[in-house]
Amino acid sequence: MEPAMRSLMSDNSRYVESFRLFLKNSTEHQCMQQYIESRLPDAVSR
């Protein structure tokens, strides 16, 4: 009998697909990306 949920670590293509979906839908990731692109360069250049 096969487990209902397979480990993503054993299926690299599913892992990558799941991670990309997470990044697309993650508001935390979107906030971090916005910070990195808009505010971090000014903070680093000071």
PDB file of N, CA and C in Angstrom:
ATOM      1  N   MET A   1       0.840  -1.190   0.000  1.00  0.00           N
ATOM      2  CA  MET A   1       0.000   0.000   0.000  1.00  0.00           C
ATOM      3  C   MET A   1       0.882   1.250   0.000  1.00  0.00           C
ATOM      4  N   GLU A   2       0.618   2.158  -0.902  1.00  0.00           N
ATOM      5  CA  GLU A   2       1.424   3.378  -1.032  1.00  0.00           C
ATOM      6  C   GLU A   2       0.909   4.447  -0.075  1.00  0.00           C
ATOM      7  N   PRO A   3       1.822   5.150   0.587  1.00  0.00           N
ATOM      8  CA  PRO A   3       1.386   6.233   1.494  1.00  0.00           C
ATOM      9  C   PRO A   3       0.607   7.302   0.728  1.00  0.00           C
ATOM     10  N   ALA A   4      -0.334   7.927   1.398  1.00  0.00           N
ATOM     11  CA  ALA A   4      -1.156   8.960   0.764  1.00  0.00           C
ATOM     12  C   ALA A   4      -0.320  10.149   0.313  1.00  0.00           C
ATOM     13  N   MET A   5       0.682  10.516   1.103  1.00  0.00           N
ATOM     14  CA  MET A   5       1.552  11.645   0.747  1.00  0.00           C
ATOM     15  C   MET A   5       2.992  11.157   0.687  1.00  0.00           C
ATOM     16  N   ARG A   6       3.583  11.278  -0.484  1.00  0.00           N
ATOM     17  CA  ARG A   6       4.989  10.911  -0.617  1.00  0.00           C
ATOM     18  C   ARG A   6       5.848  12.085  -0.175  1.00  0.00           C
ATOM     19  N   SER A   7       7.025  11.783   0.265  1.00  0.00           N
ATOM     20  CA  SER A   7       7.959  12.823   0.665  1.00  0.00           C
ATOM     21  C   SER A   7       8.422  13.602  -0.566  1.00  0.00           C
ATOM     22  N   LEU A   8       8.379  14.917  -0.467  1.00  0.00           N
ATOM     23  CA  LEU A   8       8.854  15.743  -1.576  1.00  0.00           C
ATOM     24  C   LEU A   8      10.360  15.603  -1.762  1.00  0.00           C
ATOM     25  N   MET A   9      11.053  15.243  -0.687  1.00  0.00           N
ATOM     26  CA  MET A   9      12.503  15.098  -0.787  1.00  0.00           C
ATOM     27  C   MET A   9      12.893  13.930  -1.694  1.00  0.00           C
ATOM     28  N   SER A  10      12.017  12.959  -1.851  1.00  0.00           N
ATOM     29  CA  SER A  10      12.332  11.808  -2.699  1.00  0.00           C
ATOM     30  C   SER A  10      11.946  12.048  -4.161  1.00  0.00           C
ATOM     31  N   ASP A  11      11.292  13.144  -4.455  1.00  0.00           N
ATOM     32  CA  ASP A  11      10.855  13.456  -5.820  1.00  0.00           C
ATOM     33  C   ASP A  11      11.258  14.894  -6.135  1.00  0.00           C
ATOM     34  N   ASN A  12      12.441  15.044  -6.710  1.00  0.00           N
ATOM     35  CA  ASN A  12      13.023  16.369  -6.922  1.00  0.00           C
ATOM     36  C   ASN A  12      12.141  17.275  -7.772  1.00  0.00           C
ATOM     37  N   SER A  13      11.556  16.768  -8.826  1.00  0.00           N
ATOM     38  CA  SER A  13      10.739  17.630  -9.689  1.00  0.00           C
ATOM     39  C   SER A  13       9.494  18.124  -8.964  1.00  0.00           C
ATOM     40  N   ARG A  14       8.872  17.278  -8.134  1.00  0.00           N
ATOM     41  CA  ARG A  14       7.717  17.719  -7.336  1.00  0.00           C
ATOM     42  C   ARG A  14       8.152  18.742  -6.295  1.00  0.00           C
ATOM     43  N   TYR A  15       9.344  18.547  -5.721  1.00  0.00           N
ATOM     44  CA  TYR A  15       9.852  19.487  -4.726  1.00  0.00           C
ATOM     45  C   TYR A  15      10.036  20.867  -5.356  1.00  0.00           C
ATOM     46  N   VAL A  16      10.675  20.923  -6.500  1.00  0.00           N
ATOM     47  CA  VAL A  16      10.926  22.197  -7.183  1.00  0.00           C
ATOM     48  C   VAL A  16       9.609  22.861  -7.556  1.00  0.00           C
ATOM     49  N   GLU A  17       8.679  22.082  -8.091  1.00  0.00           N
ATOM     50  CA  GLU A  17       7.371  22.623  -8.463  1.00  0.00           C
ATOM     51  C   GLU A  17       6.637  23.173  -7.236  1.00  0.00           C
ATOM     52  N   SER A  18       6.679  22.442  -6.142  1.00  0.00           N
ATOM     53  CA  SER A  18       6.013  22.884  -4.908  1.00  0.00           C
ATOM     54  C   SER A  18       6.662  24.144  -4.347  1.00  0.00           C
ATOM     55  N   PHE A  19       7.991  24.207  -4.406  1.00  0.00           N
ATOM     56  CA  PHE A  19       8.697  25.372  -3.882  1.00  0.00           C
ATOM     57  C   PHE A  19       8.395  26.609  -4.721  1.00  0.00           C
ATOM     58  N   ARG A  20       8.359  26.453  -6.029  1.00  0.00           N
ATOM     59  CA  ARG A  20       8.016  27.592  -6.896  1.00  0.00           C
ATOM     60  C   ARG A  20       6.596  28.074  -6.638  1.00  0.00           C
ATOM     61  N   LEU A  21       5.680  27.149  -6.419  1.00  0.00           N
ATOM     62  CA  LEU A  21       4.302  27.509  -6.097  1.00  0.00           C
ATOM     63  C   LEU A  21       4.241  28.248  -4.760  1.00  0.00           C
ATOM     64  N   PHE A  22       5.022  27.778  -3.792  1.00  0.00           N
ATOM     65  CA  PHE A  22       5.100  28.458  -2.502  1.00  0.00           C
ATOM     66  C   PHE A  22       5.601  29.891  -2.679  1.00  0.00           C
ATOM     67  N   LEU A  23       6.676  30.062  -3.433  1.00  0.00           N
ATOM     68  CA  LEU A  23       7.229  31.403  -3.636  1.00  0.00           C
ATOM     69  C   LEU A  23       6.234  32.320  -4.331  1.00  0.00           C
ATOM     70  N   LYS A  24       5.504  31.794  -5.279  1.00  0.00           N
ATOM     71  CA  LYS A  24       4.516  32.586  -6.012  1.00  0.00           C
ATOM     72  C   LYS A  24       3.391  33.061  -5.101  1.00  0.00           C
ATOM     73  N   ASN A  25       2.996  32.230  -4.144  1.00  0.00           N
ATOM     74  CA  ASN A  25       1.828  32.528  -3.312  1.00  0.00           C
ATOM     75  C   ASN A  25       2.164  33.029  -1.915  1.00  0.00           C
ATOM     76  N   SER A  26       3.416  33.065  -1.564  1.00  0.00           N
ATOM     77  CA  SER A  26       3.821  33.444  -0.216  1.00  0.00           C
ATOM     78  C   SER A  26       3.901  34.965  -0.076  1.00  0.00           C
ATOM     79  N   THR A  27       3.051  35.524   0.764  1.00  0.00           N
ATOM     80  CA  THR A  27       3.121  36.971   0.982  1.00  0.00           C
ATOM     81  C   THR A  27       4.402  37.341   1.718  1.00  0.00           C
ATOM     82  N   GLU A  28       4.897  36.438   2.568  1.00  0.00           N
ATOM     83  CA  GLU A  28       6.161  36.706   3.252  1.00  0.00           C
ATOM     84  C   GLU A  28       7.284  36.823   2.221  1.00  0.00           C
ATOM     85  N   HIS A  29       7.323  35.920   1.266  1.00  0.00           N
ATOM     86  CA  HIS A  29       8.346  35.966   0.231  1.00  0.00           C
ATOM     87  C   HIS A  29       8.196  37.219  -0.614  1.00  0.00           C
ATOM     88  N   GLN A  30       6.966  37.598  -0.942  1.00  0.00           N
ATOM     89  CA  GLN A  30       6.740  38.797  -1.743  1.00  0.00           C
ATOM     90  C   GLN A  30       7.225  40.040  -1.007  1.00  0.00           C
ATOM     91  N   CYS A  31       6.990  40.104   0.294  1.00  0.00           N
ATOM     92  CA  CYS A  31       7.459  41.245   1.094  1.00  0.00           C
ATOM     93  C   CYS A  31       8.978  41.292   1.133  1.00  0.00           C
ATOM     94  N   MET A  32       9.603  40.136   1.313  1.00  0.00           N
ATOM     95  CA  MET A  32      11.069  40.091   1.345  1.00  0.00           C
ATOM     96  C   MET A  32      11.651  40.490  -0.010  1.00  0.00           C
ATOM     97  N   GLN A  33      11.053  40.001  -1.090  1.00  0.00           N
ATOM     98  CA  GLN A  33      11.531  40.340  -2.431  1.00  0.00           C
ATOM     99  C   GLN A  33      11.410  41.837  -2.678  1.00  0.00           C
ATOM    100  N   GLN A  34      10.304  42.423  -2.275  1.00  0.00           N
ATOM    101  CA  GLN A  34      10.099  43.863  -2.440  1.00  0.00           C
ATOM    102  C   GLN A  34      11.137  44.643  -1.631  1.00  0.00           C
ATOM    103  N   TYR A  35      11.405  44.207  -0.408  1.00  0.00           N
ATOM    104  CA  TYR A  35      12.404  44.863   0.434  1.00  0.00           C
ATOM    105  C   TYR A  35      13.787  44.774  -0.210  1.00  0.00           C
ATOM    106  N   ILE A  36      14.141  43.592  -0.682  1.00  0.00           N
ATOM    107  CA  ILE A  36      15.460  43.387  -1.289  1.00  0.00           C
ATOM    108  C   ILE A  36      15.629  44.265  -2.520  1.00  0.00           C
ATOM    109  N   GLU A  37      14.591  44.377  -3.318  1.00  0.00           N
ATOM    110  CA  GLU A  37      14.693  45.143  -4.562  1.00  0.00           C
ATOM    111  C   GLU A  37      14.589  46.646  -4.359  1.00  0.00           C
ATOM    112  N   SER A  38      13.815  47.103  -3.373  1.00  0.00           N
ATOM    113  CA  SER A  38      13.572  48.541  -3.269  1.00  0.00           C
ATOM    114  C   SER A  38      14.339  49.230  -2.142  1.00  0.00           C
ATOM    115  N   ARG A  39      14.519  48.595  -1.018  1.00  0.00           N
ATOM    116  CA  ARG A  39      15.122  49.293   0.122  1.00  0.00           C
ATOM    117  C   ARG A  39      16.539  48.859   0.446  1.00  0.00           C
ATOM    118  N   LEU A  40      16.838  47.606   0.238  1.00  0.00           N
ATOM    119  CA  LEU A  40      18.151  47.094   0.613  1.00  0.00           C
ATOM    120  C   LEU A  40      19.300  47.785  -0.121  1.00  0.00           C
ATOM    121  N   PRO A  41      19.195  48.038  -1.425  1.00  0.00           N
ATOM    122  CA  PRO A  41      20.317  48.706  -2.098  1.00  0.00           C
ATOM    123  C   PRO A  41      20.693  50.045  -1.450  1.00  0.00           C
ATOM    124  N   ASP A  42      19.710  50.837  -1.048  1.00  0.00           N
ATOM    125  CA  ASP A  42      20.001  52.110  -0.383  1.00  0.00           C
ATOM    126  C   ASP A  42      20.653  51.891   0.975  1.00  0.00           C
ATOM    127  N   ALA A  43      20.189  50.903   1.706  1.00  0.00           N
ATOM    128  CA  ALA A  43      20.745  50.621   3.031  1.00  0.00           C
ATOM    129  C   ALA A  43      22.187  50.140   2.927  1.00  0.00           C
ATOM    130  N   VAL A  44      22.494  49.352   1.921  1.00  0.00           N
ATOM    131  CA  VAL A  44      23.845  48.815   1.752  1.00  0.00           C
ATOM    132  C   VAL A  44      24.807  49.897   1.267  1.00  0.00           C
ATOM    133  N   SER A  45      24.330  50.818   0.454  1.00  0.00           N
ATOM    134  CA  SER A  45      25.215  51.834  -0.119  1.00  0.00           C
ATOM    135  C   SER A  45      25.580  52.944   0.858  1.00  0.00           C
ATOM    136  N   ARG A  46      24.946  52.990   2.003  1.00  0.00           N
ATOM    137  CA  ARG A  46      25.259  54.047   2.985  1.00  0.00           C
ATOM    138  C   ARG A  46      26.546  53.797   3.696  1.00  0.00           C
TER     139      ARG A  46
END
